[in-house]
Protein backbone atom coordinates (compact mmCIF):
# COMPACT_ATOMS: atom_id res chain seq x y z
CA MET A 1 21.29 -16.75 16.56
CA VAL A 2 18.08 -16.78 14.71
CA GLU A 3 16.71 -13.82 16.86
CA GLN A 4 19.94 -11.88 16.04
CA LEU A 5 19.44 -12.54 12.29
CA ARG A 6 15.89 -11.29 12.56
CA ALA A 7 17.05 -8.15 14.36
CA HIS A 8 19.59 -7.47 11.69
CA GLU A 9 17.02 -7.98 8.99
CA HIS A 10 14.57 -5.65 10.86
CA HIS A 11 17.38 -3.02 11.09
CA PHE A 12 18.29 -3.24 7.44
CA HIS A 13 14.53 -3.06 6.56
CA LEU A 14 14.22 0.13 8.57
CA VAL A 15 17.46 1.51 7.08
CA GLY A 16 16.07 0.77 3.74
CA ARG A 17 12.84 2.60 4.49
CA ARG A 18 14.59 5.65 5.79
CA ARG A 19 16.81 5.81 2.63
CA GLU A 20 13.60 5.55 0.46
CA LEU A 21 11.99 8.20 2.54
CA THR A 22 14.92 10.51 2.14
CA GLU A 23 14.98 9.99 -1.57
CA LEU A 24 11.28 10.69 -1.83
CA TYR A 25 11.65 13.76 0.30
CA ALA A 26 14.64 15.02 -1.98
CA SER A 27 12.52 14.35 -5.09
CA SER A 28 9.50 15.99 -3.51
CA ALA A 29 11.59 19.06 -2.53
CA LEU A 30 12.92 19.55 -6.15
CA ARG A 31 9.58 18.92 -7.79
CA ASN A 32 7.66 21.28 -5.35
CA PHE A 33 10.17 24.04 -5.84
CA ALA A 34 9.61 23.73 -9.55
CA ALA A 35 5.82 23.63 -9.16
CA GLY A 36 5.91 26.45 -6.57
CA LEU A 37 7.56 28.76 -9.03
CA LEU A 38 4.39 28.56 -11.21
CA PHE A 39 1.70 27.08 -8.96
CA ILE A 40 -0.13 30.25 -7.86
CA PHE A 41 0.37 31.88 -11.24
CA GLU A 42 -0.77 28.89 -13.37
CA PRO A 43 -4.56 29.66 -13.28
CA ILE A 44 -3.87 33.34 -13.80
CA TYR A 45 -1.81 32.58 -16.85
CA VAL A 46 -4.55 30.39 -18.30
CA TYR A 47 -7.10 33.18 -17.44
CA LEU A 48 -5.17 35.67 -19.45
CA LEU A 49 -4.51 33.21 -22.17
CA PHE A 50 -8.35 32.79 -22.66
CA GLY A 51 -9.01 36.60 -22.80
CA LYS A 52 -9.68 37.00 -19.14
CA SER A 53 -12.67 34.47 -19.26
CA LEU A 54 -13.38 32.72 -15.98
CA PRO A 55 -15.71 30.10 -17.64
CA HIS A 56 -13.00 29.13 -20.12
CA THR A 57 -10.37 28.91 -17.29
CA PHE A 58 -12.49 26.69 -15.10
CA PHE A 59 -13.39 24.54 -18.08
CA PHE A 60 -9.79 24.03 -18.93
CA PHE A 61 -8.72 22.79 -15.48
CA GLY A 62 -12.06 20.98 -14.99
CA LEU A 63 -11.25 18.94 -18.32
CA SER A 64 -7.91 18.01 -17.00
CA LEU A 65 -9.34 16.62 -13.60
CA LEU A 66 -12.14 14.77 -15.25
CA ALA A 67 -9.66 13.24 -17.68
CA THR A 68 -7.52 12.25 -14.73
CA ALA A 69 -10.52 10.63 -13.06
CA PHE A 70 -11.31 8.55 -16.20
CA LEU A 71 -7.59 7.51 -16.71
CA VAL A 72 -6.67 6.77 -13.20
CA PRO A 73 -7.82 3.05 -13.31
CA PHE A 74 -5.21 2.40 -15.91
CA ALA A 75 -2.50 3.52 -13.43
CA GLY A 76 -2.66 0.02 -11.74
CA ARG A 77 -1.09 -1.43 -14.76
CA SER A 78 1.73 1.12 -14.98
CA LEU A 79 2.50 0.39 -11.35
CA ALA A 80 2.60 -3.29 -11.86
CA ARG A 81 4.58 -3.22 -15.21
CA LEU A 82 6.73 -0.10 -14.97
CA GLY A 83 7.16 0.05 -11.21
CA VAL A 84 6.45 2.77 -8.84
CA LYS A 85 9.69 4.93 -9.55
CA HIS A 86 9.66 4.38 -13.25
CA SER A 87 5.96 5.34 -13.31
CA MET A 88 6.92 8.72 -11.75
CA LEU A 89 9.77 9.06 -14.24
CA ALA A 90 7.32 8.32 -17.13
CA SER A 91 5.14 11.19 -15.82
CA THR A 92 7.84 13.77 -16.33
CA PRO A 93 7.64 14.04 -20.17
CA PHE A 94 3.87 14.84 -19.84
CA ALA A 95 4.65 17.57 -17.37
CA ILE A 96 7.19 19.07 -19.89
CA ILE A 97 4.68 18.89 -22.68
CA TYR A 98 2.02 20.54 -20.53
CA PHE A 99 4.30 23.36 -19.35
CA GLY A 100 6.07 23.72 -22.80
CA GLY A 101 2.57 23.82 -24.38
CA LEU A 102 1.46 26.66 -22.08
CA TRP A 103 4.69 28.39 -22.78
CA GLN A 104 4.06 28.34 -26.57
CA ALA A 105 0.25 28.43 -26.41
CA SER A 106 -0.04 31.27 -28.96
CA ALA A 107 1.46 28.92 -31.65
CA LEU A 108 -0.79 25.98 -30.81
CA GLY A 109 -4.05 27.67 -31.49
CA PRO A 110 -7.11 25.49 -30.76
CA LEU A 111 -4.72 22.57 -29.91
CA VAL A 112 -4.12 24.24 -26.61
CA MET A 113 -7.24 22.33 -25.45
CA LEU A 114 -5.20 19.13 -25.73
CA LEU A 115 -3.03 20.27 -22.81
CA PRO A 116 -5.41 19.22 -20.02
CA LEU A 117 -4.88 15.64 -21.37
CA ALA A 118 -1.07 15.96 -20.95
CA LEU A 119 -1.59 17.32 -17.43
CA ALA A 120 -3.92 14.30 -16.72
CA ALA A 121 -1.43 11.86 -18.01
CA HIS A 122 1.24 13.24 -15.73
CA ASP A 123 -1.12 13.18 -12.69
CA VAL A 124 -2.20 9.57 -13.46
CA LEU A 125 1.41 8.34 -13.65
CA PHE A 126 2.82 10.41 -10.82
CA TRP A 127 0.40 10.68 -7.93
CA PRO A 128 -0.64 7.11 -7.37
CA ALA A 129 2.93 6.06 -7.62
CA PHE A 130 3.95 8.76 -5.13
CA HIS A 131 1.32 7.62 -2.56
CA ILE A 132 2.29 3.95 -2.89
CA ASP A 133 5.94 4.79 -2.42
CA PHE A 134 5.09 6.90 0.64
CA ILE A 135 2.88 4.08 2.08
CA LEU A 136 5.71 1.47 1.70
CA ALA A 137 8.51 3.70 2.89
CA SER A 138 6.76 5.18 6.02
CA THR A 139 5.61 3.44 9.33
CA LYS A 140 2.07 3.44 10.65
CA ARG A 141 3.28 4.50 14.17
CA ASP A 142 4.94 7.64 12.98
CA ARG A 143 3.00 8.24 9.71
CA ALA A 144 1.48 11.67 10.66
CA LYS A 145 4.98 12.91 11.77
CA GLN A 146 6.55 11.57 8.52
CA MET A 147 3.60 13.28 6.61
CA SER A 148 4.28 16.55 8.23
CA THR A 149 8.04 16.00 7.53
CA VAL A 150 7.09 15.85 3.70
CA LEU A 151 4.95 18.93 4.06
CA ILE A 152 7.83 20.77 5.93
CA ILE A 153 10.44 19.77 3.28
CA VAL A 154 7.91 20.80 0.57
CA ALA A 155 7.26 24.00 2.31
CA LEU A 156 11.00 24.80 2.82
CA ALA A 157 11.74 24.09 -0.72
CA ALA A 158 8.63 25.93 -2.03
CA SER A 159 8.70 28.79 0.25
CA ALA A 160 11.07 30.89 -1.76
CA ALA A 161 9.65 29.67 -5.06
CA PRO A 162 6.57 31.90 -5.33
CA LEU A 163 8.60 35.07 -4.37
CA LEU A 164 11.08 34.15 -7.03
CA GLY A 165 8.33 33.20 -9.54
CA GLY A 166 6.48 36.41 -9.05
CA PHE A 167 9.70 38.43 -9.46
CA MET A 168 10.51 36.49 -12.68
CA VAL A 169 7.04 37.08 -14.11
CA GLN A 170 7.05 40.70 -13.26
CA GLU A 171 10.57 41.45 -14.63
CA ALA A 172 11.14 38.76 -17.45
CA GLY A 173 7.61 37.39 -18.33
CA PHE A 174 6.36 33.85 -18.13
CA SER A 175 8.80 32.52 -20.81
CA ALA A 176 11.83 32.51 -18.49
CA LEU A 177 9.65 30.96 -15.68
CA PHE A 178 8.40 28.03 -17.95
CA ALA A 179 12.00 27.28 -19.04
CA LEU A 180 13.21 26.97 -15.37
CA VAL A 181 10.15 24.85 -14.27
CA ILE A 182 10.68 22.39 -17.18
CA GLY A 183 14.33 21.94 -16.24
CA LEU A 184 13.64 21.41 -12.52
CA PHE A 185 10.86 18.80 -13.21
CA PHE A 186 13.36 16.76 -15.22
CA ILE A 187 16.11 16.93 -12.48
CA SER A 188 13.54 15.99 -9.70
CA THR A 189 13.39 12.32 -10.96
CA VAL A 190 17.07 11.61 -10.17
CA PRO A 191 16.88 11.00 -6.45
CA LEU A 192 14.10 8.32 -6.98
CA PHE A 193 16.62 5.97 -8.61
CA LEU A 194 19.13 5.73 -5.75
CA SER A 195 17.37 2.63 -4.42
CA ARG A 196 15.60 -0.44 -5.73
CA GLU A 197 12.53 -0.27 -7.89
CA ILE A 198 9.19 -1.28 -6.39
CA HIS A 199 6.49 -2.88 -8.36
CA GLY A 200 2.85 -2.64 -7.49
CA ARG A 201 0.41 -5.47 -7.32
CA SER A 202 -1.77 -6.32 -10.32
CA SER A 203 -4.79 -3.96 -10.16
CA THR A 204 -8.42 -4.76 -10.55
CA SER A 205 -10.13 -4.25 -13.99
CA TYR A 206 -11.04 -0.78 -15.15
CA PHE A 207 -14.77 -1.21 -14.41
CA ALA A 208 -14.04 -2.80 -11.08
CA SER A 209 -12.15 0.22 -10.05
CA VAL A 210 -15.05 2.59 -11.09
CA ARG A 211 -17.55 0.59 -9.42
CA GLN A 212 -15.84 1.17 -6.09
CA VAL A 213 -17.18 4.72 -6.17
CA ALA A 214 -20.75 3.22 -5.76
CA ASN A 215 -19.74 0.67 -3.18
CA PRO A 216 -22.13 1.14 -0.14
CA THR A 217 -19.21 0.28 2.32
CA LEU A 218 -17.18 3.05 0.83
CA ARG A 219 -19.68 5.82 0.86
CA ALA A 220 -18.13 7.65 3.84
CA LYS A 221 -14.73 7.59 2.12
CA THR A 222 -16.36 8.83 -1.12
CA ALA A 223 -17.68 11.73 0.68
CA ALA A 224 -14.44 12.46 2.33
CA PHE A 225 -12.48 12.39 -0.93
CA ALA A 226 -15.01 14.45 -2.79
CA ALA A 227 -14.80 17.06 -0.12
CA GLU A 228 -11.00 16.94 -0.44
CA GLY A 229 -11.40 17.53 -4.15
CA LEU A 230 -13.63 20.54 -3.64
CA ASP A 231 -11.32 22.04 -0.98
CA GLY A 232 -8.37 21.57 -3.33
CA ILE A 233 -9.93 23.30 -6.37
CA LEU A 234 -10.96 26.27 -4.18
CA MET A 235 -7.40 26.81 -2.96
CA ARG A 236 -5.58 25.91 -6.20
CA PHE A 237 -7.80 27.82 -8.76
CA VAL A 238 -10.35 30.14 -7.09
CA TRP A 239 -8.03 31.81 -4.48
CA PRO A 240 -5.19 32.91 -6.88
CA LEU A 241 -7.72 34.18 -9.50
CA PHE A 242 -9.64 36.12 -6.74
CA LEU A 243 -6.48 37.78 -5.52
CA PHE A 244 -5.54 38.68 -9.13
CA LEU A 245 -9.07 40.17 -9.80
CA ILE A 246 -8.80 42.44 -6.68
CA ALA A 247 -5.56 43.99 -8.28
CA ILE A 248 -2.81 42.14 -6.31
CA ASN A 249 0.14 42.02 -8.60
CA PHE A 250 2.48 39.08 -9.31
CA GLU A 251 5.23 40.05 -6.90
CA GLN A 252 2.77 40.60 -4.05
CA LEU A 253 1.03 37.17 -4.88
CA GLY A 254 4.45 35.57 -4.78
CA ALA A 255 5.42 37.37 -1.52
CA ILE A 256 2.24 36.45 0.20
CA THR A 257 2.46 32.74 -0.69
CA SER A 258 6.08 32.51 0.20
CA ALA A 259 5.61 34.13 3.63
CA VAL A 260 2.53 31.84 4.45
CA LEU A 261 4.51 28.72 3.57
CA PHE A 262 7.58 29.65 5.48
CA LEU A 263 5.74 30.80 8.71
CA GLY A 264 3.62 27.61 8.73
CA ILE A 265 6.59 25.25 8.85
CA GLY A 266 6.93 24.96 12.63
CA PHE A 267 3.16 24.68 13.01
CA THR A 268 3.07 21.89 10.54
CA PHE A 269 5.78 19.88 12.45
CA ALA A 270 3.95 20.35 15.74
CA ILE A 271 0.61 19.07 14.21
CA GLY A 272 2.38 15.85 12.96
CA ARG A 273 3.76 15.03 16.36
CA ILE A 274 0.50 15.92 18.15
CA THR A 275 -1.44 13.77 15.61
CA ASP A 276 0.73 10.72 16.29
CA LYS A 277 0.44 11.06 20.12
CA ARG A 278 -3.22 12.10 20.51
CA GLY A 279 -4.70 10.15 17.55
CA ALA A 280 -5.92 11.35 14.11
CA ASP A 281 -9.59 11.50 14.90
CA SER A 282 -9.39 13.90 17.74
CA VAL A 283 -6.99 16.33 15.96
CA LEU A 284 -9.15 15.94 12.76
CA LYS A 285 -12.34 17.08 14.46
CA ILE A 286 -10.75 20.19 15.83
CA GLY A 287 -8.99 21.04 12.49
CA VAL A 288 -12.11 20.55 10.54
CA LEU A 289 -14.25 22.87 12.67
CA ILE A 290 -11.50 25.56 12.60
CA ASN A 291 -11.09 25.13 8.70
CA ALA A 292 -14.84 25.35 8.27
CA MET A 293 -15.16 28.60 10.31
CA LEU A 294 -12.21 30.34 8.64
CA TRP A 295 -13.09 29.55 4.96
CA PRO A 296 -15.63 32.44 4.59
CA LEU A 297 -12.97 34.99 5.82
CA ARG A 298 -11.35 34.79 2.37
CA ALA A 299 -14.44 36.40 0.78
CA PHE A 300 -13.66 39.67 2.76
CA VAL A 301 -10.02 40.03 1.55
CA SER A 302 -9.46 43.44 -0.17
CA THR A 303 -5.72 44.30 0.41
CA PRO A 304 -2.40 42.52 0.18
CA PHE A 305 -1.99 42.69 4.02
CA ASN A 306 -5.16 41.13 4.94
CA ALA A 307 -4.80 38.61 2.06
CA PHE A 308 -1.67 37.56 3.86
CA ALA A 309 -3.11 37.51 7.40
CA THR A 310 -6.16 35.41 6.21
CA ASP A 311 -4.15 33.05 4.16
CA PHE A 312 -1.77 32.40 7.07
CA VAL A 313 -4.50 31.87 9.58
CA HIS A 314 -6.62 29.73 7.36
CA GLN A 315 -3.67 27.62 6.05
CA SER A 316 -2.78 26.79 9.71
CA GLY A 317 -6.36 25.61 10.27
CA ARG A 318 -6.26 23.65 7.08
CA SER A 319 -2.98 21.88 8.18
CA LEU A 320 -4.72 20.99 11.44
CA ALA A 321 -7.39 19.20 9.37
CA PHE A 322 -5.28 17.83 6.55
CA ILE A 323 -2.35 16.22 8.26
CA PRO A 324 -4.58 13.81 10.22
CA PHE A 325 -6.79 13.45 7.21
CA VAL A 326 -3.96 12.31 4.94
CA GLY A 327 -2.46 10.27 7.65
CA THR A 328 -5.69 8.50 8.14
CA PHE A 329 -5.96 7.88 4.38
CA TYR A 330 -2.32 6.32 4.26
CA ASN A 331 -3.18 4.02 7.29
CA TRP A 332 -6.38 2.90 5.63
CA ALA A 333 -4.82 2.42 2.25
CA GLY A 334 -1.87 0.49 3.68
CA GLU A 335 -3.68 -1.77 6.21
CA THR A 336 -4.35 -4.46 3.58
CA PRO A 337 -1.49 -5.01 1.11
CA GLN A 338 -3.84 -6.76 -1.39
CA GLU A 339 -6.02 -3.64 -1.52
CA ARG A 340 -3.32 -1.02 -1.26
CA GLU A 341 -3.15 0.08 -4.99
CA SER A 342 -7.04 -0.26 -5.42
CA ARG A 343 -7.63 2.22 -2.54
CA VAL A 344 -5.06 4.69 -3.76
CA LEU A 345 -6.74 4.54 -7.28
CA PHE A 346 -10.15 4.82 -5.59
CA ARG A 347 -9.19 8.19 -3.83
CA ALA A 348 -7.73 9.55 -7.12
CA ILE A 349 -10.90 8.70 -9.07
CA VAL A 350 -13.26 10.50 -6.46
CA LEU A 351 -10.96 13.34 -5.67
CA ASN A 352 -10.36 14.30 -9.37
CA GLY A 353 -13.81 13.47 -10.41
CA ALA A 354 -15.45 15.61 -7.76
CA GLY A 355 -13.05 18.46 -8.49
CA GLY A 356 -13.58 18.33 -12.21
CA ILE A 357 -17.45 18.39 -11.85
CA ALA A 358 -17.10 21.32 -9.38
CA LEU A 359 -14.89 23.22 -11.86
CA LEU A 360 -17.47 22.73 -14.77
CA ALA A 361 -20.19 23.90 -12.45
CA PHE A 362 -17.99 26.88 -11.66
CA ALA A 363 -17.66 27.54 -15.38
CA VAL A 364 -21.37 27.63 -15.74
CA LEU A 365 -21.89 29.80 -12.64
CA THR A 366 -19.32 32.39 -13.76
CA SER A 367 -21.06 32.74 -17.04
CA PHE A 368 -23.72 34.69 -15.11
CA VAL A 369 -21.84 35.90 -11.98
CA ASP A 370 -18.25 37.08 -12.07
CA ASP A 371 -17.82 37.66 -8.25
CA LEU A 372 -15.70 34.80 -7.02
CA ARG A 373 -16.49 35.67 -3.36
CA VAL A 374 -19.62 33.52 -3.50
CA LEU A 375 -17.52 30.28 -4.07
CA PHE A 376 -15.71 30.66 -0.85
CA TRP A 377 -18.97 29.94 0.95
CA LEU A 378 -18.52 26.33 -0.24
CA GLY A 379 -15.48 26.02 1.88
CA PRO A 380 -17.19 25.12 5.04
CA ILE A 381 -18.94 22.29 3.26
CA SER A 382 -15.80 20.92 1.91
CA ALA A 383 -14.09 21.21 5.39
CA LEU A 384 -16.80 19.32 7.30
CA GLY A 385 -16.83 16.67 4.55
CA LEU A 386 -13.35 15.72 5.66
CA LEU A 387 -14.63 14.17 8.80
CA PHE A 388 -15.98 11.22 6.71
CA ILE A 389 -12.42 9.80 6.45
CA SER A 390 -12.84 8.64 10.05
CA GLU A 391 -15.53 6.47 11.72
CA TYR A 392 -16.85 9.50 13.70
CA PRO A 393 -19.68 10.49 11.37
CA ALA A 394 -20.84 6.88 11.05
CA LEU A 395 -20.84 6.49 14.82
CA PHE A 396 -22.70 9.76 15.24
CA TRP A 397 -25.39 8.69 12.78
CA ALA A 398 -25.75 5.32 14.38
CA ARG A 399 -26.25 6.91 17.82
CA PHE A 400 -28.71 9.38 16.30
CA LYS A 401 -30.72 6.56 14.68
CA ASN A 402 -30.63 4.52 17.96
CA ARG A 403 -31.93 7.39 19.91
CA ALA A 404 -34.71 8.02 17.42
CA ILE A 405 -35.75 4.30 17.56
CA VAL A 406 -35.77 4.42 21.47
CA LYS A 407 -38.00 7.57 21.42
CA GLU A 408 -40.30 6.01 18.81
CA GLU A 409 -40.60 2.84 20.97
CA ALA A 410 -41.25 4.86 24.09
CA GLY A 411 -43.91 6.84 22.27
CA THR A 412 -45.82 3.69 21.31
CA ARG A 413 -45.91 2.26 24.86
């Protein structure tokens, strides 16, 4: 009888997990459709807003990422007090303020430089809560497959969005696009409240969270998340600006992005299944090498067709690296419940801090050099840095040191 009760309890626990995953998938689909409408056009809009100034554009987004890194340690308190789902809900007004502010930027004047803080407040409240929700709702055995399912649902929802967004910008301007994005962001929170609220554990103090970055035992993870941050800003900001500067118009930009997202769906699903069967480390090594080799190809793009071909091939390589990378992160963050929140916050501090510092460096560099091709050569560095999420680099270094010691001892005999 006891075993039957335990089996029923386990069954209902799994059903609850599946329901929460389904709700998270639905919310992610709505939110990413909204973000996809504007995502590739956002840095271009800011670039035009600042009079076609690359330094000002990179500074604007760099300020947002650095503000996020500084504010992230406070997210632990919102997770504990508000709960995971209410924290995501609380992020929505800040997204609306941010997009609404960009929409009416001409009326804001110098106050437009406060918008990065609104974006940072959204990211601080939403992303740690999202990652905690996914860790709790997913299972370790199938986490890579479940992660790829998130990406597939996101890709399905978002694949049509850039095409629609490009058409709207070309035909009706940015105003209509901003209005639609704001409405969809608000609706995206509804599925999250179809199940119970989840409260995070009390987090460590602000300075304890920041000190983790210098913790010697976390150096490999720090390198991995810093590399993730660099890779992210190259894709999110540099790539769209580069395409716009080589005279690819909004409709072509939207079409390229939509086609790449749609064609990559089957590949993403396959990677998730392979990662769960073969192990994250082996898939990660292959993906990292492919990602590193393909990054420089973006520097040679000159037409809409080779922009599409390069983006599709490289995004496939990036998926081969990032699905096992993110799966490994979730397994590491969720392996100790007492440290779950602090590890999620640690990643957010490093990722956003590294991305913000890199964007400020780009702002300085583009004050002297306006050719963005040079930045794509940083891609292989960011790709190889992803390996540090696993134990492989540490083991390689340990073996290298042991061989050096053996040679030294042999030479002294």
